Amino acid sequence: MLQKGDTLPAIKLQNQDGNEVSLLDFVGEKMVIYFYPKDLTSGCTAQACNLNENLAFWNNKGYKIIGISPDDAKSHQKFIQKHQLGFTLLCDTTHALAEAFGVWAEKKMMGRTYFGVLRTTFVVDEKGKIIHAIEKIDTKNHTEQLKTLLNLL
């Protein structure tokens, strides 16, 4: 998994509008990049809504919020429309970016083994360097978790 001090990989993905985007396009801005398993599921919705409810705070602090999952643009559009999300969602349908970040891994649920996204958040500085990697996510209180970590209380 990418860690503090690592730089962002130069992989291009589609955003929710079908436009090709690279995380390197956002260098110059601070970022909260979060990987999540699936649109419109309970934990993923709680996390997205928590970040969205605090979007003005993040914008005022100069952070761009970027969510990434294996879902396609159509799914992201539904997710954005249903919850009025005001930030970018990227479509990692081939899980290339999740693999580059080290968050595509074997998971187990109800006795079944499969590969999927490990819910993880990365905080990135203006130079495109990771300053924090968070693996234990409090989906309902993610903004508070990040504020504490970043001393933004």
N, C-alpha and C. Protein backbone atom coordinates (compact mmCIF):
# COMPACT_ATOMS: atom_id res chain seq x y z
N MET A 1 0.84 -1.18 0.00
CA MET A 1 0.00 0.00 0.00
C MET A 1 0.89 1.24 0.00
N LEU A 2 0.47 2.24 -0.78
CA LEU A 2 1.20 3.50 -0.78
C LEU A 2 1.15 4.09 0.62
N GLN A 3 2.24 4.76 0.99
CA GLN A 3 2.38 5.30 2.34
C GLN A 3 2.84 6.76 2.28
N LYS A 4 2.97 7.34 3.46
CA LYS A 4 3.44 8.72 3.59
C LYS A 4 4.74 8.89 2.81
N GLY A 5 4.79 9.96 1.99
CA GLY A 5 5.98 10.26 1.19
C GLY A 5 5.92 9.74 -0.23
N ASP A 6 5.03 8.78 -0.50
CA ASP A 6 4.88 8.26 -1.87
C ASP A 6 4.17 9.29 -2.75
N THR A 7 4.45 9.23 -4.06
CA THR A 7 3.80 10.14 -5.01
C THR A 7 2.64 9.44 -5.70
N LEU A 8 1.75 10.23 -6.23
CA LEU A 8 0.56 9.69 -6.91
C LEU A 8 0.95 9.01 -8.22
N PRO A 9 0.32 7.87 -8.51
CA PRO A 9 0.56 7.22 -9.80
C PRO A 9 -0.13 8.00 -10.94
N ALA A 10 0.43 7.89 -12.14
CA ALA A 10 -0.08 8.62 -13.31
C ALA A 10 -1.01 7.73 -14.12
N ILE A 11 -2.12 7.36 -13.54
CA ILE A 11 -3.09 6.50 -14.22
C ILE A 11 -4.33 7.34 -14.53
N LYS A 12 -4.82 7.21 -15.76
CA LYS A 12 -6.01 7.97 -16.16
C LYS A 12 -7.25 7.09 -16.03
N LEU A 13 -8.32 7.71 -15.51
CA LEU A 13 -9.62 7.05 -15.36
C LEU A 13 -10.70 7.99 -15.87
N GLN A 14 -11.88 7.46 -16.07
CA GLN A 14 -13.02 8.31 -16.38
C GLN A 14 -13.62 8.83 -15.08
N ASN A 15 -14.13 10.06 -15.13
CA ASN A 15 -14.89 10.56 -13.99
C ASN A 15 -16.37 10.27 -14.22
N GLN A 16 -17.21 10.77 -13.34
CA GLN A 16 -18.64 10.49 -13.43
C GLN A 16 -19.28 11.00 -14.71
N ASP A 17 -18.62 11.94 -15.38
CA ASP A 17 -19.15 12.49 -16.63
C ASP A 17 -18.56 11.82 -17.87
N GLY A 18 -17.69 10.81 -17.66
CA GLY A 18 -17.08 10.12 -18.78
C GLY A 18 -15.82 10.80 -19.30
N ASN A 19 -15.36 11.85 -18.63
CA ASN A 19 -14.13 12.55 -19.04
C ASN A 19 -12.92 11.86 -18.45
N GLU A 20 -11.84 11.79 -19.22
CA GLU A 20 -10.61 11.16 -18.75
C GLU A 20 -9.88 12.10 -17.79
N VAL A 21 -9.51 11.55 -16.63
CA VAL A 21 -8.89 12.34 -15.57
C VAL A 21 -7.75 11.54 -14.96
N SER A 22 -6.71 12.25 -14.54
CA SER A 22 -5.62 11.66 -13.76
C SER A 22 -5.56 12.40 -12.44
N LEU A 23 -5.18 11.71 -11.37
CA LEU A 23 -5.00 12.40 -10.09
C LEU A 23 -3.94 13.49 -10.21
N LEU A 24 -3.01 13.31 -11.15
CA LEU A 24 -1.96 14.31 -11.35
C LEU A 24 -2.54 15.63 -11.87
N ASP A 25 -3.76 15.58 -12.44
CA ASP A 25 -4.43 16.80 -12.88
C ASP A 25 -4.73 17.73 -11.71
N PHE A 26 -4.78 17.18 -10.49
CA PHE A 26 -5.14 17.95 -9.31
C PHE A 26 -3.92 18.39 -8.50
N VAL A 27 -2.70 18.06 -8.98
CA VAL A 27 -1.50 18.51 -8.28
C VAL A 27 -1.54 20.03 -8.27
N GLY A 28 -1.19 20.60 -7.13
CA GLY A 28 -1.34 22.04 -6.91
C GLY A 28 -2.44 22.30 -5.89
N GLU A 29 -3.26 21.28 -5.65
CA GLU A 29 -4.32 21.34 -4.64
C GLU A 29 -4.11 20.22 -3.63
N LYS A 30 -4.53 20.46 -2.41
CA LYS A 30 -4.53 19.38 -1.42
C LYS A 30 -5.72 18.48 -1.72
N MET A 31 -5.57 17.19 -1.46
CA MET A 31 -6.63 16.24 -1.79
C MET A 31 -6.91 15.27 -0.66
N VAL A 32 -8.17 14.90 -0.54
CA VAL A 32 -8.60 13.75 0.24
C VAL A 32 -9.10 12.76 -0.81
N ILE A 33 -8.34 11.70 -1.01
CA ILE A 33 -8.68 10.67 -2.00
C ILE A 33 -9.14 9.45 -1.22
N TYR A 34 -10.40 9.05 -1.47
CA TYR A 34 -10.87 7.88 -0.73
C TYR A 34 -11.35 6.79 -1.68
N PHE A 35 -10.90 5.59 -1.40
CA PHE A 35 -11.31 4.40 -2.14
C PHE A 35 -12.43 3.74 -1.37
N TYR A 36 -13.49 3.38 -2.07
CA TYR A 36 -14.63 2.73 -1.43
C TYR A 36 -15.12 1.60 -2.33
N PRO A 37 -15.77 0.58 -1.74
CA PRO A 37 -16.14 -0.61 -2.52
C PRO A 37 -17.23 -0.43 -3.57
N LYS A 38 -18.34 0.26 -3.23
CA LYS A 38 -19.48 0.24 -4.16
C LYS A 38 -20.44 1.40 -3.91
N ASP A 39 -20.88 2.01 -5.00
CA ASP A 39 -21.89 3.07 -4.92
C ASP A 39 -23.18 2.53 -4.29
N LEU A 40 -23.88 3.42 -3.59
CA LEU A 40 -25.23 3.17 -3.08
C LEU A 40 -25.34 2.01 -2.09
N THR A 41 -24.24 1.66 -1.42
CA THR A 41 -24.30 0.69 -0.32
C THR A 41 -24.24 1.48 0.98
N SER A 42 -24.63 0.86 2.07
CA SER A 42 -24.80 1.62 3.32
C SER A 42 -23.53 2.31 3.81
N GLY A 43 -22.43 1.59 3.93
CA GLY A 43 -21.20 2.20 4.42
C GLY A 43 -20.65 3.24 3.47
N CYS A 44 -20.70 2.94 2.20
CA CYS A 44 -20.17 3.86 1.19
C CYS A 44 -21.02 5.12 1.12
N THR A 45 -22.32 4.98 1.26
CA THR A 45 -23.21 6.13 1.27
C THR A 45 -22.97 6.98 2.51
N ALA A 46 -22.82 6.34 3.67
CA ALA A 46 -22.55 7.08 4.91
C ALA A 46 -21.27 7.90 4.78
N GLN A 47 -20.23 7.29 4.23
CA GLN A 47 -18.95 7.98 4.07
C GLN A 47 -19.07 9.14 3.09
N ALA A 48 -19.66 8.91 1.94
CA ALA A 48 -19.80 9.96 0.92
C ALA A 48 -20.65 11.11 1.46
N CYS A 49 -21.75 10.78 2.12
CA CYS A 49 -22.63 11.83 2.64
C CYS A 49 -21.95 12.64 3.75
N ASN A 50 -21.16 11.97 4.59
CA ASN A 50 -20.44 12.69 5.64
C ASN A 50 -19.46 13.68 5.03
N LEU A 51 -18.71 13.24 4.04
CA LEU A 51 -17.76 14.16 3.38
C LEU A 51 -18.51 15.28 2.66
N ASN A 52 -19.62 14.95 2.02
CA ASN A 52 -20.39 15.93 1.27
C ASN A 52 -21.03 16.97 2.20
N GLU A 53 -21.54 16.53 3.35
CA GLU A 53 -22.14 17.46 4.32
C GLU A 53 -21.12 18.46 4.83
N ASN A 54 -19.86 18.11 4.76
CA ASN A 54 -18.77 18.96 5.23
C ASN A 54 -17.94 19.53 4.08
N LEU A 55 -18.52 19.52 2.89
CA LEU A 55 -17.77 19.95 1.70
C LEU A 55 -17.32 21.41 1.79
N ALA A 56 -18.15 22.28 2.35
CA ALA A 56 -17.77 23.69 2.50
C ALA A 56 -16.53 23.80 3.39
N PHE A 57 -16.48 23.01 4.45
CA PHE A 57 -15.30 23.00 5.32
C PHE A 57 -14.06 22.61 4.53
N TRP A 58 -14.17 21.50 3.78
CA TRP A 58 -13.02 21.01 3.01
C TRP A 58 -12.59 22.03 1.95
N ASN A 59 -13.56 22.63 1.28
CA ASN A 59 -13.24 23.64 0.28
C ASN A 59 -12.54 24.84 0.92
N ASN A 60 -13.02 25.28 2.08
CA ASN A 60 -12.42 26.41 2.78
C ASN A 60 -10.99 26.12 3.23
N LYS A 61 -10.70 24.86 3.51
CA LYS A 61 -9.36 24.46 3.92
C LYS A 61 -8.47 24.14 2.71
N GLY A 62 -9.04 24.24 1.50
CA GLY A 62 -8.26 24.04 0.29
C GLY A 62 -8.12 22.60 -0.16
N TYR A 63 -9.03 21.72 0.31
CA TYR A 63 -8.96 20.30 -0.06
C TYR A 63 -9.97 19.96 -1.14
N LYS A 64 -9.53 19.18 -2.10
CA LYS A 64 -10.40 18.61 -3.12
C LYS A 64 -10.74 17.18 -2.66
N ILE A 65 -12.00 16.82 -2.67
CA ILE A 65 -12.44 15.47 -2.30
C ILE A 65 -12.60 14.66 -3.59
N ILE A 66 -12.01 13.45 -3.62
CA ILE A 66 -12.11 12.58 -4.79
C ILE A 66 -12.41 11.17 -4.30
N GLY A 67 -13.55 10.63 -4.73
CA GLY A 67 -13.93 9.26 -4.40
C GLY A 67 -13.62 8.34 -5.57
N ILE A 68 -13.17 7.13 -5.26
CA ILE A 68 -12.80 6.17 -6.31
C ILE A 68 -13.36 4.80 -5.97
N SER A 69 -14.06 4.20 -6.92
CA SER A 69 -14.58 2.84 -6.75
C SER A 69 -14.56 2.14 -8.10
N PRO A 70 -14.80 0.82 -8.11
CA PRO A 70 -14.84 0.09 -9.38
C PRO A 70 -16.10 0.32 -10.21
N ASP A 71 -17.01 1.15 -9.72
CA ASP A 71 -18.26 1.40 -10.45
C ASP A 71 -18.03 2.22 -11.71
N ASP A 72 -18.97 2.11 -12.65
CA ASP A 72 -18.87 2.86 -13.90
C ASP A 72 -19.52 4.25 -13.76
N ALA A 73 -19.40 5.05 -14.81
CA ALA A 73 -19.90 6.43 -14.79
C ALA A 73 -21.41 6.49 -14.55
N LYS A 74 -22.16 5.57 -15.13
CA LYS A 74 -23.62 5.55 -14.94
C LYS A 74 -23.97 5.35 -13.46
N SER A 75 -23.28 4.43 -12.81
CA SER A 75 -23.51 4.18 -11.39
C SER A 75 -23.12 5.40 -10.56
N HIS A 76 -21.99 6.01 -10.90
CA HIS A 76 -21.56 7.22 -10.18
C HIS A 76 -22.57 8.34 -10.35
N GLN A 77 -23.13 8.48 -11.54
CA GLN A 77 -24.14 9.53 -11.78
C GLN A 77 -25.36 9.32 -10.88
N LYS A 78 -25.81 8.08 -10.78
CA LYS A 78 -26.95 7.77 -9.89
C LYS A 78 -26.63 8.12 -8.45
N PHE A 79 -25.44 7.74 -8.01
CA PHE A 79 -24.98 7.98 -6.65
C PHE A 79 -24.95 9.49 -6.37
N ILE A 80 -24.38 10.25 -7.29
CA ILE A 80 -24.28 11.70 -7.15
C ILE A 80 -25.67 12.33 -7.12
N GLN A 81 -26.54 11.91 -8.03
CA GLN A 81 -27.87 12.50 -8.09
C GLN A 81 -28.71 12.16 -6.86
N LYS A 82 -28.65 10.92 -6.42
CA LYS A 82 -29.45 10.51 -5.27
C LYS A 82 -29.05 11.25 -3.99
N HIS A 83 -27.76 11.53 -3.83
CA HIS A 83 -27.27 12.15 -2.59
C HIS A 83 -26.71 13.55 -2.79
N GLN A 84 -26.93 14.15 -3.97
CA GLN A 84 -26.47 15.50 -4.29
C GLN A 84 -24.99 15.69 -3.93
N LEU A 85 -24.16 14.73 -4.31
CA LEU A 85 -22.73 14.81 -4.01
C LEU A 85 -22.08 15.90 -4.85
N GLY A 86 -21.23 16.69 -4.22
CA GLY A 86 -20.62 17.82 -4.89
C GLY A 86 -19.14 17.65 -5.19
N PHE A 87 -18.69 16.41 -5.30
CA PHE A 87 -17.27 16.18 -5.58
C PHE A 87 -17.10 15.11 -6.65
N THR A 88 -15.89 14.98 -7.12
CA THR A 88 -15.55 14.08 -8.22
C THR A 88 -15.54 12.63 -7.77
N LEU A 89 -16.11 11.76 -8.61
CA LEU A 89 -16.00 10.32 -8.43
C LEU A 89 -15.30 9.75 -9.67
N LEU A 90 -14.30 8.91 -9.44
CA LEU A 90 -13.58 8.29 -10.55
C LEU A 90 -13.96 6.82 -10.69
N CYS A 91 -14.00 6.36 -11.93
CA CYS A 91 -14.41 5.00 -12.28
C CYS A 91 -13.17 4.13 -12.46
N ASP A 92 -12.90 3.28 -11.49
CA ASP A 92 -11.74 2.40 -11.56
C ASP A 92 -12.22 0.99 -11.90
N THR A 93 -12.89 0.88 -13.06
CA THR A 93 -13.55 -0.38 -13.43
C THR A 93 -12.58 -1.54 -13.63
N THR A 94 -11.34 -1.24 -13.97
CA THR A 94 -10.33 -2.31 -14.13
C THR A 94 -9.48 -2.46 -12.87
N HIS A 95 -9.79 -1.68 -11.87
CA HIS A 95 -9.09 -1.60 -10.57
C HIS A 95 -7.60 -1.33 -10.71
N ALA A 96 -7.18 -0.69 -11.81
CA ALA A 96 -5.76 -0.37 -12.03
C ALA A 96 -5.24 0.62 -10.98
N LEU A 97 -6.05 1.64 -10.66
CA LEU A 97 -5.60 2.62 -9.68
C LEU A 97 -5.61 2.02 -8.27
N ALA A 98 -6.63 1.24 -7.96
CA ALA A 98 -6.68 0.57 -6.65
C ALA A 98 -5.46 -0.34 -6.48
N GLU A 99 -5.08 -1.04 -7.54
CA GLU A 99 -3.89 -1.90 -7.48
C GLU A 99 -2.63 -1.06 -7.28
N ALA A 100 -2.53 0.06 -8.00
CA ALA A 100 -1.36 0.92 -7.87
C ALA A 100 -1.23 1.49 -6.45
N PHE A 101 -2.35 1.77 -5.82
CA PHE A 101 -2.35 2.27 -4.44
C PHE A 101 -2.20 1.14 -3.42
N GLY A 102 -2.40 -0.10 -3.88
CA GLY A 102 -2.30 -1.24 -2.98
C GLY A 102 -3.55 -1.50 -2.16
N VAL A 103 -4.70 -1.06 -2.68
CA VAL A 103 -5.96 -1.24 -1.94
C VAL A 103 -6.91 -2.22 -2.64
N TRP A 104 -6.43 -2.94 -3.64
CA TRP A 104 -7.19 -4.02 -4.28
C TRP A 104 -6.62 -5.29 -3.70
N ALA A 105 -7.43 -6.03 -2.94
CA ALA A 105 -6.89 -7.17 -2.20
C ALA A 105 -7.95 -8.23 -1.98
N GLU A 106 -7.48 -9.37 -1.53
CA GLU A 106 -8.39 -10.47 -1.20
C GLU A 106 -9.17 -10.10 0.07
N LYS A 107 -10.47 -10.35 0.02
CA LYS A 107 -11.35 -10.06 1.14
C LYS A 107 -12.18 -11.31 1.44
N LYS A 108 -12.72 -11.37 2.64
CA LYS A 108 -13.59 -12.48 3.01
C LYS A 108 -14.86 -11.94 3.63
N MET A 109 -15.99 -12.52 3.22
CA MET A 109 -17.26 -12.15 3.81
C MET A 109 -18.17 -13.37 3.76
N MET A 110 -18.71 -13.71 4.90
CA MET A 110 -19.64 -14.85 5.04
C MET A 110 -19.06 -16.12 4.42
N GLY A 111 -17.79 -16.37 4.68
CA GLY A 111 -17.14 -17.58 4.21
C GLY A 111 -16.70 -17.57 2.76
N ARG A 112 -16.97 -16.48 2.08
CA ARG A 112 -16.62 -16.36 0.66
C ARG A 112 -15.36 -15.50 0.52
N THR A 113 -14.44 -15.92 -0.32
CA THR A 113 -13.22 -15.16 -0.59
C THR A 113 -13.34 -14.53 -1.98
N TYR A 114 -12.98 -13.26 -2.08
CA TYR A 114 -13.07 -12.54 -3.35
C TYR A 114 -12.09 -11.37 -3.31
N PHE A 115 -11.86 -10.74 -4.46
CA PHE A 115 -11.02 -9.56 -4.51
C PHE A 115 -11.90 -8.33 -4.56
N GLY A 116 -11.47 -7.29 -3.87
CA GLY A 116 -12.23 -6.05 -3.86
C GLY A 116 -11.41 -4.91 -3.29
N VAL A 117 -12.04 -3.75 -3.19
CA VAL A 117 -11.40 -2.54 -2.68
C VAL A 117 -11.39 -2.56 -1.16
N LEU A 118 -10.22 -2.28 -0.59
CA LEU A 118 -10.10 -2.07 0.85
C LEU A 118 -10.41 -0.59 1.09
N ARG A 119 -11.43 -0.32 1.88
CA ARG A 119 -11.81 1.07 2.15
C ARG A 119 -10.61 1.79 2.78
N THR A 120 -10.09 2.77 2.07
CA THR A 120 -8.87 3.46 2.50
C THR A 120 -8.93 4.91 2.04
N THR A 121 -8.40 5.81 2.87
CA THR A 121 -8.33 7.22 2.51
C THR A 121 -6.88 7.68 2.52
N PHE A 122 -6.54 8.48 1.52
CA PHE A 122 -5.20 9.06 1.42
C PHE A 122 -5.34 10.58 1.42
N VAL A 123 -4.53 11.24 2.23
CA VAL A 123 -4.47 12.70 2.22
C VAL A 123 -3.18 13.07 1.49
N VAL A 124 -3.32 13.97 0.52
CA VAL A 124 -2.23 14.30 -0.39
C VAL A 124 -1.97 15.81 -0.35
N ASP A 125 -0.69 16.19 -0.34
CA ASP A 125 -0.35 17.61 -0.33
C ASP A 125 -0.37 18.19 -1.75
N GLU A 126 -0.08 19.48 -1.85
CA GLU A 126 -0.15 20.19 -3.13
C GLU A 126 0.87 19.69 -4.15
N LYS A 127 1.91 19.00 -3.68
CA LYS A 127 2.95 18.50 -4.59
C LYS A 127 2.64 17.09 -5.09
N GLY A 128 1.50 16.52 -4.66
CA GLY A 128 1.15 15.17 -5.09
C GLY A 128 1.77 14.08 -4.24
N LYS A 129 2.22 14.44 -3.04
CA LYS A 129 2.82 13.46 -2.11
C LYS A 129 1.79 13.09 -1.05
N ILE A 130 1.75 11.81 -0.75
CA ILE A 130 0.84 11.33 0.29
C ILE A 130 1.40 11.75 1.64
N ILE A 131 0.52 12.35 2.46
CA ILE A 131 0.94 12.74 3.81
C ILE A 131 0.29 11.86 4.88
N HIS A 132 -0.80 11.17 4.52
CA HIS A 132 -1.45 10.23 5.43
C HIS A 132 -2.14 9.14 4.62
N ALA A 133 -2.11 7.91 5.14
CA ALA A 133 -2.87 6.79 4.59
C ALA A 133 -3.67 6.21 5.75
N ILE A 134 -4.99 6.17 5.62
CA ILE A 134 -5.86 5.75 6.71
C ILE A 134 -6.60 4.49 6.28
N GLU A 135 -6.43 3.43 7.05
CA GLU A 135 -7.05 2.14 6.71
C GLU A 135 -8.30 1.85 7.52
N LYS A 136 -8.38 2.35 8.73
CA LYS A 136 -9.56 2.12 9.57
C LYS A 136 -10.46 3.34 9.49
N ILE A 137 -11.47 3.24 8.66
CA ILE A 137 -12.34 4.37 8.35
C ILE A 137 -13.62 4.32 9.19
N ASP A 138 -13.95 5.45 9.79
CA ASP A 138 -15.23 5.62 10.48
C ASP A 138 -16.16 6.28 9.45
N THR A 139 -16.94 5.46 8.76
CA THR A 139 -17.72 5.96 7.62
C THR A 139 -18.69 7.07 8.00
N LYS A 140 -19.32 6.97 9.16
CA LYS A 140 -20.32 7.97 9.55
C LYS A 140 -19.70 9.26 10.07
N ASN A 141 -18.44 9.21 10.48
CA ASN A 141 -17.76 10.37 11.06
C ASN A 141 -16.40 10.60 10.42
N HIS A 142 -16.33 10.39 9.13
CA HIS A 142 -15.03 10.45 8.44
C HIS A 142 -14.41 11.84 8.49
N THR A 143 -15.23 12.88 8.35
CA THR A 143 -14.69 14.24 8.42
C THR A 143 -14.06 14.50 9.78
N GLU A 144 -14.73 14.13 10.86
CA GLU A 144 -14.17 14.33 12.20
C GLU A 144 -12.87 13.55 12.36
N GLN A 145 -12.86 12.33 11.83
CA GLN A 145 -11.66 11.50 11.88
C GLN A 145 -10.50 12.22 11.17
N LEU A 146 -10.77 12.76 10.00
CA LEU A 146 -9.74 13.47 9.24
C LEU A 146 -9.34 14.78 9.93
N LYS A 147 -10.31 15.51 10.45
CA LYS A 147 -9.98 16.76 11.16
C LYS A 147 -9.03 16.50 12.31
N THR A 148 -9.29 15.45 13.07
CA THR A 148 -8.43 15.10 14.19
C THR A 148 -7.03 14.75 13.69
N LEU A 149 -6.95 13.94 12.68
CA LEU A 149 -5.66 13.52 12.12
C LEU A 149 -4.86 14.72 11.60
N LEU A 150 -5.55 15.65 10.97
CA LEU A 150 -4.88 16.79 10.33
C LEU A 150 -4.79 18.02 11.26
N ASN A 151 -5.22 17.86 12.51
CA ASN A 151 -5.23 18.97 13.48
C ASN A 151 -6.01 20.17 12.96
N LEU A 152 -7.20 19.90 12.43
CA LEU A 152 -8.04 20.96 11.86
C LEU A 152 -9.28 21.24 12.73
N LEU A 153 -9.26 20.80 13.97
CA LEU A 153 -10.42 21.01 14.85
C LEU A 153 -10.54 22.45 15.28
